[in-house]
Amino acid sequence: MAKEKGVIVSFRVDQHLADVLNKVPDKSAFIRDVILRSFYETCPVCRGRGVLPEELARWARDTLGRENTVECHCCHYGYPESIVDNKSTREGEFTCPHCADHDHAH
């Protein structure tokens, strides 16, 4: 099956933003990544930093470890079983609400 070609989307920016974007090696990839990230919430534990102090990481690991998780077959995030809707599981595969809403277009 041939890979579908992307659709070109254009928008206006001010000159300063255009100058900054022109310094980015792959503008398209950068813009796609930023837009996709905007669909997600910032982690309330790390506040978007991506790392935690050791004590806080231990607490998060222990707290989250007490809950069984189900992995979304698209994004591979683990969702607590307690919030997984059985309607989201088809043919043994769970699809999280985000992936279902965006037709797996990551």
C-alpha atoms as a PDB file:
ATOM      1  CA  MET A   1       0.000   0.000   0.000  1.00  0.00           C
ATOM      2  CA  ALA A   2       1.429   3.370  -1.008  1.00  0.00           C
ATOM      3  CA  LYS A   3       1.980   5.905   1.711  1.00  0.00           C
ATOM      4  CA  GLU A   4      -0.518   8.755   1.525  1.00  0.00           C
ATOM      5  CA  LYS A   5       1.012  12.105   0.616  1.00  0.00           C
ATOM      6  CA  GLY A   6       0.632  14.893   3.128  1.00  0.00           C
ATOM      7  CA  VAL A   7      -1.614  17.887   2.630  1.00  0.00           C
ATOM      8  CA  ILE A   8      -0.031  21.328   2.468  1.00  0.00           C
ATOM      9  CA  VAL A   9      -1.402  23.827   4.973  1.00  0.00           C
ATOM     10  CA  SER A  10      -0.251  27.426   5.026  1.00  0.00           C
ATOM     11  CA  PHE A  11      -0.751  30.252   7.498  1.00  0.00           C
ATOM     12  CA  ARG A  12       0.501  33.765   8.066  1.00  0.00           C
ATOM     13  CA  VAL A  13       3.034  34.710  10.736  1.00  0.00           C
ATOM     14  CA  ASP A  14       4.698  37.970  11.635  1.00  0.00           C
ATOM     15  CA  GLN A  15       8.209  38.699  10.347  1.00  0.00           C
ATOM     16  CA  HIS A  16       9.882  37.907  13.682  1.00  0.00           C
ATOM     17  CA  LEU A  17       8.333  34.412  13.830  1.00  0.00           C
ATOM     18  CA  ALA A  18       9.216  33.839  10.160  1.00  0.00           C
ATOM     19  CA  ASP A  19      12.842  34.764  10.904  1.00  0.00           C
ATOM     20  CA  VAL A  20      12.949  32.352  13.860  1.00  0.00           C
ATOM     21  CA  LEU A  21      11.322  29.532  11.869  1.00  0.00           C
ATOM     22  CA  ASN A  22      13.807  30.009   9.039  1.00  0.00           C
ATOM     23  CA  LYS A  23      16.578  29.045  11.477  1.00  0.00           C
ATOM     24  CA  VAL A  24      14.922  25.689  12.260  1.00  0.00           C
ATOM     25  CA  PRO A  25      16.526  22.877  10.193  1.00  0.00           C
ATOM     26  CA  ASP A  26      13.219  21.098   9.392  1.00  0.00           C
ATOM     27  CA  LYS A  27      10.386  23.607   9.754  1.00  0.00           C
ATOM     28  CA  SER A  28       7.672  21.162   8.721  1.00  0.00           C
ATOM     29  CA  ALA A  29       8.670  18.521  11.279  1.00  0.00           C
ATOM     30  CA  PHE A  30       9.028  21.175  13.986  1.00  0.00           C
ATOM     31  CA  ILE A  31       5.585  22.678  13.300  1.00  0.00           C
ATOM     32  CA  ARG A  32       3.918  19.225  13.107  1.00  0.00           C
ATOM     33  CA  ASP A  33       5.507  18.229  16.435  1.00  0.00           C
ATOM     34  CA  VAL A  34       4.419  21.427  18.188  1.00  0.00           C
ATOM     35  CA  ILE A  35       0.858  21.133  16.893  1.00  0.00           C
ATOM     36  CA  LEU A  36       0.562  17.466  17.911  1.00  0.00           C
ATOM     37  CA  ARG A  37       1.964  18.203  21.383  1.00  0.00           C
ATOM     38  CA  SER A  38      -0.703  20.878  21.839  1.00  0.00           C
ATOM     39  CA  PHE A  39      -3.355  18.139  21.844  1.00  0.00           C
ATOM     40  CA  TYR A  40      -1.874  16.673  25.025  1.00  0.00           C
ATOM     41  CA  GLU A  41      -1.989  17.902  28.605  1.00  0.00           C
ATOM     42  CA  THR A  42       1.172  18.794  30.483  1.00  0.00           C
ATOM     43  CA  CYS A  43       2.088  16.140  33.041  1.00  0.00           C
ATOM     44  CA  PRO A  44       0.886  17.335  36.454  1.00  0.00           C
ATOM     45  CA  VAL A  45       3.787  15.566  38.181  1.00  0.00           C
ATOM     46  CA  CYS A  46       6.776  16.798  36.151  1.00  0.00           C
ATOM     47  CA  ARG A  47       5.002  19.889  34.778  1.00  0.00           C
ATOM     48  CA  GLY A  48       6.343  19.212  31.304  1.00  0.00           C
ATOM     49  CA  ARG A  49       9.988  18.939  32.322  1.00  0.00           C
ATOM     50  CA  GLY A  50      10.200  15.221  31.537  1.00  0.00           C
ATOM     51  CA  VAL A  51      12.200  14.424  34.666  1.00  0.00           C
ATOM     52  CA  LEU A  52      11.454  14.152  38.394  1.00  0.00           C
ATOM     53  CA  PRO A  53      13.505  14.397  41.574  1.00  0.00           C
ATOM     54  CA  GLU A  54      14.272  10.916  42.949  1.00  0.00           C
ATOM     55  CA  GLU A  55      11.768  11.083  45.822  1.00  0.00           C
ATOM     56  CA  LEU A  56       8.937  12.233  43.580  1.00  0.00           C
ATOM     57  CA  ALA A  57       9.798   9.623  40.924  1.00  0.00           C
ATOM     58  CA  ARG A  58       9.685   6.890  43.601  1.00  0.00           C
ATOM     59  CA  TRP A  59       6.271   8.129  44.795  1.00  0.00           C
ATOM     60  CA  ALA A  60       4.888   8.239  41.238  1.00  0.00           C
ATOM     61  CA  ARG A  61       6.252   4.772  40.417  1.00  0.00           C
ATOM     62  CA  ASP A  62       4.780   3.298  43.635  1.00  0.00           C
ATOM     63  CA  THR A  63       1.427   5.035  43.195  1.00  0.00           C
ATOM     64  CA  LEU A  64       1.054   4.152  39.538  1.00  0.00           C
ATOM     65  CA  GLY A  65       2.409   0.641  40.128  1.00  0.00           C
ATOM     66  CA  ARG A  66      -0.601  -0.224  42.308  1.00  0.00           C
ATOM     67  CA  GLU A  67      -2.935   0.129  39.323  1.00  0.00           C
ATOM     68  CA  ASN A  68      -3.163  -2.335  36.445  1.00  0.00           C
ATOM     69  CA  THR A  69      -2.826  -0.644  33.085  1.00  0.00           C
ATOM     70  CA  VAL A  70      -3.984  -1.325  29.546  1.00  0.00           C
ATOM     71  CA  GLU A  71      -1.767  -0.157  26.694  1.00  0.00           C
ATOM     72  CA  CYS A  72      -3.229   1.736  23.748  1.00  0.00           C
ATOM     73  CA  HIS A  73      -2.164  -0.148  20.621  1.00  0.00           C
ATOM     74  CA  CYS A  74      -1.640   3.154  18.763  1.00  0.00           C
ATOM     75  CA  CYS A  75       0.250   5.529  21.093  1.00  0.00           C
ATOM     76  CA  HIS A  76       1.466   2.856  23.545  1.00  0.00           C
ATOM     77  CA  TYR A  77       0.568   4.893  26.625  1.00  0.00           C
ATOM     78  CA  GLY A  78      -0.595   2.796  29.571  1.00  0.00           C
ATOM     79  CA  TYR A  79      -4.077   3.713  30.829  1.00  0.00           C
ATOM     80  CA  PRO A  80      -5.371   2.665  34.267  1.00  0.00           C
ATOM     81  CA  GLU A  81      -7.888  -0.180  33.953  1.00  0.00           C
ATOM     82  CA  SER A  82     -10.238   1.771  36.214  1.00  0.00           C
ATOM     83  CA  ILE A  83     -10.769   4.442  33.526  1.00  0.00           C
ATOM     84  CA  VAL A  84     -10.734   2.203  30.435  1.00  0.00           C
ATOM     85  CA  ASP A  85     -14.108   1.976  28.762  1.00  0.00           C
ATOM     86  CA  ASN A  86     -14.810  -1.526  27.453  1.00  0.00           C
ATOM     87  CA  LYS A  87     -16.292   0.068  24.312  1.00  0.00           C
ATOM     88  CA  SER A  88     -12.757   1.274  23.516  1.00  0.00           C
ATOM     89  CA  THR A  89     -11.485  -2.304  23.367  1.00  0.00           C
ATOM     90  CA  ARG A  90     -12.112  -4.129  20.103  1.00  0.00           C
ATOM     91  CA  GLU A  91     -10.664  -7.452  19.064  1.00  0.00           C
ATOM     92  CA  GLY A  92      -8.492  -7.451  22.179  1.00  0.00           C
ATOM     93  CA  GLU A  93      -6.915  -4.075  21.386  1.00  0.00           C
ATOM     94  CA  PHE A  94      -7.524  -0.945  23.429  1.00  0.00           C
ATOM     95  CA  THR A  95      -7.648   2.420  21.657  1.00  0.00           C
ATOM     96  CA  CYS A  96      -7.418   5.460  23.933  1.00  0.00           C
ATOM     97  CA  PRO A  97      -9.874   8.334  23.436  1.00  0.00           C
ATOM     98  CA  HIS A  98      -7.162  10.592  21.996  1.00  0.00           C
ATOM     99  CA  CYS A  99      -6.182   8.114  19.270  1.00  0.00           C
ATOM    100  CA  ALA A 100      -9.829   7.291  18.548  1.00  0.00           C
ATOM    101  CA  ASP A 101     -10.675  10.996  18.182  1.00  0.00           C
ATOM    102  CA  HIS A 102      -7.765  11.566  15.789  1.00  0.00           C
ATOM    103  CA  ASP A 103      -8.101   8.356  13.758  1.00  0.00           C
ATOM    104  CA  HIS A 104      -4.618   7.267  14.848  1.00  0.00           C
ATOM    105  CA  ALA A 105      -3.104  10.213  12.983  1.00  0.00           C
ATOM    106  CA  HIS A 106       0.059  10.852  15.007  1.00  0.00           C
END
